Amino acid sequence: MRQLRILPSEQGIQILAIAFTAYAGEINAKQVFSAKFYSYLGKLIKPANLIAE
């Protein structure tokens, strides 16, 4: 993700990537956002909830 985020913005690249993680604590959230992901979800999420979020 970091490599994709450093591309010049004039290329029109906007990727809303969501990290799937088995850990959903505050420290893990900071790691996900520092890696430039848009959001994160725990791996035990149901498909219907994925669409809703």
PDB file of N, CA and C in Angstrom:
ATOM      1  N   MET A   1       0.818  -1.180   0.000  1.00  0.00           N
ATOM      2  CA  MET A   1       0.000   0.000   0.000  1.00  0.00           C
ATOM      3  C   MET A   1       0.865   1.248   0.000  1.00  0.00           C
ATOM      4  N   ARG A   2       1.908   1.248   0.788  1.00  0.00           N
ATOM      5  CA  ARG A   2       2.760   2.440   0.844  1.00  0.00           C
ATOM      6  C   ARG A   2       3.305   2.789  -0.531  1.00  0.00           C
ATOM      7  N   GLN A   3       3.693   1.787  -1.289  1.00  0.00           N
ATOM      8  CA  GLN A   3       4.245   2.034  -2.626  1.00  0.00           C
ATOM      9  C   GLN A   3       3.183   2.594  -3.569  1.00  0.00           C
ATOM     10  N   LEU A   4       1.959   2.138  -3.447  1.00  0.00           N
ATOM     11  CA  LEU A   4       0.885   2.674  -4.278  1.00  0.00           C
ATOM     12  C   LEU A   4       0.543   4.105  -3.888  1.00  0.00           C
ATOM     13  N   ARG A   5       0.588   4.397  -2.610  1.00  0.00           N
ATOM     14  CA  ARG A   5       0.216   5.732  -2.128  1.00  0.00           C
ATOM     15  C   ARG A   5       1.232   6.802  -2.518  1.00  0.00           C
ATOM     16  N   ILE A   6       2.478   6.427  -2.807  1.00  0.00           N
ATOM     17  CA  ILE A   6       3.485   7.439  -3.143  1.00  0.00           C
ATOM     18  C   ILE A   6       3.477   7.814  -4.622  1.00  0.00           C
ATOM     19  N   LEU A   7       2.658   7.161  -5.431  1.00  0.00           N
ATOM     20  CA  LEU A   7       2.556   7.521  -6.844  1.00  0.00           C
ATOM     21  C   LEU A   7       2.006   8.940  -6.965  1.00  0.00           C
ATOM     22  N   PRO A   8       2.440   9.666  -7.981  1.00  0.00           N
ATOM     23  CA  PRO A   8       1.948  11.049  -8.154  1.00  0.00           C
ATOM     24  C   PRO A   8       0.428  11.104  -8.282  1.00  0.00           C
ATOM     25  N   SER A   9      -0.183  12.062  -7.623  1.00  0.00           N
ATOM     26  CA  SER A   9      -1.644  12.156  -7.622  1.00  0.00           C
ATOM     27  C   SER A   9      -2.204  12.497  -8.996  1.00  0.00           C
ATOM     28  N   GLU A  10      -1.401  13.077  -9.877  1.00  0.00           N
ATOM     29  CA  GLU A  10      -1.910  13.414 -11.206  1.00  0.00           C
ATOM     30  C   GLU A  10      -2.214  12.172 -12.034  1.00  0.00           C
ATOM     31  N   GLN A  11      -1.788  11.004 -11.572  1.00  0.00           N
ATOM     32  CA  GLN A  11      -2.122   9.772 -12.271  1.00  0.00           C
ATOM     33  C   GLN A  11      -3.560   9.343 -11.973  1.00  0.00           C
ATOM     34  N   GLY A  12      -4.208  10.039 -11.069  1.00  0.00           N
ATOM     35  CA  GLY A  12      -5.611   9.769 -10.775  1.00  0.00           C
ATOM     36  C   GLY A  12      -5.852   8.478 -10.005  1.00  0.00           C
ATOM     37  N   ILE A  13      -4.846   8.019  -9.305  1.00  0.00           N
ATOM     38  CA  ILE A  13      -4.978   6.764  -8.574  1.00  0.00           C
ATOM     39  C   ILE A  13      -5.551   7.034  -7.184  1.00  0.00           C
ATOM     40  N   GLN A  14      -6.668   6.406  -6.909  1.00  0.00           N
ATOM     41  CA  GLN A  14      -7.262   6.475  -5.577  1.00  0.00           C
ATOM     42  C   GLN A  14      -7.746   5.081  -5.232  1.00  0.00           C
ATOM     43  N   ILE A  15      -7.051   4.423  -4.340  1.00  0.00           N
ATOM     44  CA  ILE A  15      -7.375   3.055  -3.962  1.00  0.00           C
ATOM     45  C   ILE A  15      -7.864   3.055  -2.519  1.00  0.00           C
ATOM     46  N   LEU A  16      -9.062   2.576  -2.320  1.00  0.00           N
ATOM     47  CA  LEU A  16      -9.611   2.464  -0.970  1.00  0.00           C
ATOM     48  C   LEU A  16      -9.435   1.023  -0.508  1.00  0.00           C
ATOM     49  N   ALA A  17      -8.241   0.689  -0.093  1.00  0.00           N
ATOM     50  CA  ALA A  17      -7.932  -0.679   0.325  1.00  0.00           C
ATOM     51  C   ALA A  17      -8.289  -0.876   1.793  1.00  0.00           C
ATOM     52  N   ILE A  18      -8.866  -2.020   2.081  1.00  0.00           N
ATOM     53  CA  ILE A  18      -9.250  -2.375   3.449  1.00  0.00           C
ATOM     54  C   ILE A  18      -8.420  -3.572   3.879  1.00  0.00           C
ATOM     55  N   ALA A  19      -7.789  -3.455   5.016  1.00  0.00           N
ATOM     56  CA  ALA A  19      -6.979  -4.544   5.551  1.00  0.00           C
ATOM     57  C   ALA A  19      -7.878  -5.514   6.320  1.00  0.00           C
ATOM     58  N   PHE A  20      -7.652  -6.798   6.115  1.00  0.00           N
ATOM     59  CA  PHE A  20      -8.333  -7.830   6.900  1.00  0.00           C
ATOM     60  C   PHE A  20      -7.329  -8.369   7.903  1.00  0.00           C
ATOM     61  N   THR A  21      -7.686  -8.332   9.164  1.00  0.00           N
ATOM     62  CA  THR A  21      -6.747  -8.724  10.199  1.00  0.00           C
ATOM     63  C   THR A  21      -7.428  -9.578  11.262  1.00  0.00           C
ATOM     64  N   ALA A  22      -6.661 -10.447  11.847  1.00  0.00           N
ATOM     65  CA  ALA A  22      -7.181 -11.266  12.938  1.00  0.00           C
ATOM     66  C   ALA A  22      -7.154 -10.475  14.249  1.00  0.00           C
ATOM     67  N   TYR A  23      -6.464  -9.351  14.232  1.00  0.00           N
ATOM     68  CA  TYR A  23      -6.333  -8.527  15.425  1.00  0.00           C
ATOM     69  C   TYR A  23      -7.027  -7.193  15.184  1.00  0.00           C
ATOM     70  N   ALA A  24      -7.865  -6.782  16.102  1.00  0.00           N
ATOM     71  CA  ALA A  24      -8.629  -5.551  15.897  1.00  0.00           C
ATOM     72  C   ALA A  24      -8.490  -4.589  17.073  1.00  0.00           C
ATOM     73  N   GLY A  25      -7.358  -4.629  17.739  1.00  0.00           N
ATOM     74  CA  GLY A  25      -7.132  -3.726  18.859  1.00  0.00           C
ATOM     75  C   GLY A  25      -6.655  -2.354  18.413  1.00  0.00           C
ATOM     76  N   GLU A  26      -6.513  -1.442  19.357  1.00  0.00           N
ATOM     77  CA  GLU A  26      -6.113  -0.068  19.051  1.00  0.00           C
ATOM     78  C   GLU A  26      -4.717  -0.009  18.430  1.00  0.00           C
ATOM     79  N   ILE A  27      -3.803  -0.797  18.946  1.00  0.00           N
ATOM     80  CA  ILE A  27      -2.442  -0.818  18.393  1.00  0.00           C
ATOM     81  C   ILE A  27      -2.466  -1.317  16.954  1.00  0.00           C
ATOM     82  N   ASN A  28      -3.269  -2.324  16.706  1.00  0.00           N
ATOM     83  CA  ASN A  28      -3.375  -2.864  15.350  1.00  0.00           C
ATOM     84  C   ASN A  28      -3.994  -1.849  14.399  1.00  0.00           C
ATOM     85  N   ALA A  29      -4.948  -1.090  14.867  1.00  0.00           N
ATOM     86  CA  ALA A  29      -5.564  -0.051  14.039  1.00  0.00           C
ATOM     87  C   ALA A  29      -4.515   0.986  13.639  1.00  0.00           C
ATOM     88  N   LYS A  30      -3.659   1.366  14.566  1.00  0.00           N
ATOM     89  CA  LYS A  30      -2.603   2.329  14.257  1.00  0.00           C
ATOM     90  C   LYS A  30      -1.660   1.775  13.196  1.00  0.00           C
ATOM     91  N   GLN A  31      -1.352   0.487  13.278  1.00  0.00           N
ATOM     92  CA  GLN A  31      -0.477  -0.136  12.283  1.00  0.00           C
ATOM     93  C   GLN A  31      -1.132  -0.145  10.907  1.00  0.00           C
ATOM     94  N   VAL A  32      -2.405  -0.455  10.863  1.00  0.00           N
ATOM     95  CA  VAL A  32      -3.141  -0.492   9.598  1.00  0.00           C
ATOM     96  C   VAL A  32      -3.141   0.888   8.952  1.00  0.00           C
ATOM     97  N   PHE A  33      -3.445   1.914   9.723  1.00  0.00           N
ATOM     98  CA  PHE A  33      -3.519   3.266   9.163  1.00  0.00           C
ATOM     99  C   PHE A  33      -2.139   3.814   8.817  1.00  0.00           C
ATOM    100  N   SER A  34      -1.121   3.432   9.574  1.00  0.00           N
ATOM    101  CA  SER A  34       0.227   3.880   9.227  1.00  0.00           C
ATOM    102  C   SER A  34       0.721   3.213   7.950  1.00  0.00           C
ATOM    103  N   ALA A  35       0.149   2.063   7.608  1.00  0.00           N
ATOM    104  CA  ALA A  35       0.477   1.384   6.350  1.00  0.00           C
ATOM    105  C   ALA A  35      -0.348   1.936   5.192  1.00  0.00           C
ATOM    106  N   LYS A  36      -1.130   2.983   5.466  1.00  0.00           N
ATOM    107  CA  LYS A  36      -1.915   3.707   4.455  1.00  0.00           C
ATOM    108  C   LYS A  36      -3.130   2.955   3.932  1.00  0.00           C
ATOM    109  N   PHE A  37      -3.687   2.069   4.741  1.00  0.00           N
ATOM    110  CA  PHE A  37      -4.958   1.448   4.382  1.00  0.00           C
ATOM    111  C   PHE A  37      -6.085   2.406   4.736  1.00  0.00           C
ATOM    112  N   TYR A  38      -7.199   2.292   4.025  1.00  0.00           N
ATOM    113  CA  TYR A  38      -8.361   3.147   4.238  1.00  0.00           C
ATOM    114  C   TYR A  38      -9.086   2.768   5.526  1.00  0.00           C
ATOM    115  N   SER A  39      -9.174   1.466   5.790  1.00  0.00           N
ATOM    116  CA  SER A  39      -9.856   0.963   6.973  1.00  0.00           C
ATOM    117  C   SER A  39      -9.405  -0.473   7.225  1.00  0.00           C
ATOM    118  N   TYR A  40      -9.974  -1.111   8.232  1.00  0.00           N
ATOM    119  CA  TYR A  40      -9.653  -2.510   8.509  1.00  0.00           C
ATOM    120  C   TYR A  40     -10.874  -3.220   9.074  1.00  0.00           C
ATOM    121  N   LEU A  41     -10.878  -4.528   8.889  1.00  0.00           N
ATOM    122  CA  LEU A  41     -11.957  -5.371   9.403  1.00  0.00           C
ATOM    123  C   LEU A  41     -11.349  -6.632   9.990  1.00  0.00           C
ATOM    124  N   GLY A  42     -11.980  -7.156  11.025  1.00  0.00           N
ATOM    125  CA  GLY A  42     -11.555  -8.432  11.579  1.00  0.00           C
ATOM    126  C   GLY A  42     -11.890  -9.564  10.621  1.00  0.00           C
ATOM    127  N   LYS A  43     -11.113 -10.612  10.620  1.00  0.00           N
ATOM    128  CA  LYS A  43     -11.308 -11.716   9.675  1.00  0.00           C
ATOM    129  C   LYS A  43     -12.604 -12.489   9.895  1.00  0.00           C
ATOM    130  N   LEU A  44     -13.212 -12.348  11.033  1.00  0.00           N
ATOM    131  CA  LEU A  44     -14.430 -13.112  11.307  1.00  0.00           C
ATOM    132  C   LEU A  44     -15.690 -12.377  10.859  1.00  0.00           C
ATOM    133  N   ILE A  45     -15.531 -11.413   9.999  1.00  0.00           N
ATOM    134  CA  ILE A  45     -16.680 -10.644   9.525  1.00  0.00           C
ATOM    135  C   ILE A  45     -17.525 -11.483   8.569  1.00  0.00           C
ATOM    136  N   LYS A  46     -18.825 -11.270   8.615  1.00  0.00           N
ATOM    137  CA  LYS A  46     -19.743 -11.963   7.695  1.00  0.00           C
ATOM    138  C   LYS A  46     -19.835 -11.172   6.401  1.00  0.00           C
ATOM    139  N   PRO A  47     -19.996 -11.854   5.267  1.00  0.00           N
ATOM    140  CA  PRO A  47     -20.055 -11.150   3.971  1.00  0.00           C
ATOM    141  C   PRO A  47     -21.095 -10.034   3.925  1.00  0.00           C
ATOM    142  N   ALA A  48     -22.242 -10.224   4.519  1.00  0.00           N
ATOM    143  CA  ALA A  48     -23.269  -9.176   4.517  1.00  0.00           C
ATOM    144  C   ALA A  48     -22.783  -7.940   5.259  1.00  0.00           C
ATOM    145  N   ASN A  49     -22.028  -8.128   6.331  1.00  0.00           N
ATOM    146  CA  ASN A  49     -21.491  -6.991   7.078  1.00  0.00           C
ATOM    147  C   ASN A  49     -20.429  -6.262   6.274  1.00  0.00           C
ATOM    148  N   LEU A  50     -19.697  -6.975   5.448  1.00  0.00           N
ATOM    149  CA  LEU A  50     -18.661  -6.360   4.616  1.00  0.00           C
ATOM    150  C   LEU A  50     -19.285  -5.339   3.672  1.00  0.00           C
ATOM    151  N   ILE A  51     -20.392  -5.681   3.080  1.00  0.00           N
ATOM    152  CA  ILE A  51     -21.068  -4.769   2.155  1.00  0.00           C
ATOM    153  C   ILE A  51     -21.602  -3.558   2.904  1.00  0.00           C
ATOM    154  N   ALA A  52     -22.101  -3.772   4.103  1.00  0.00           N
ATOM    155  CA  ALA A  52     -22.670  -2.681   4.897  1.00  0.00           C
ATOM    156  C   ALA A  52     -21.612  -1.703   5.373  1.00  0.00           C
ATOM    157  N   GLU A  53     -20.396  -2.182   5.604  1.00  0.00           N
ATOM    158  CA  GLU A  53     -19.344  -1.311   6.112  1.00  0.00           C
ATOM    159  C   GLU A  53     -18.657  -0.644   4.978  1.00  0.00           C
TER     160      GLU A  53
END
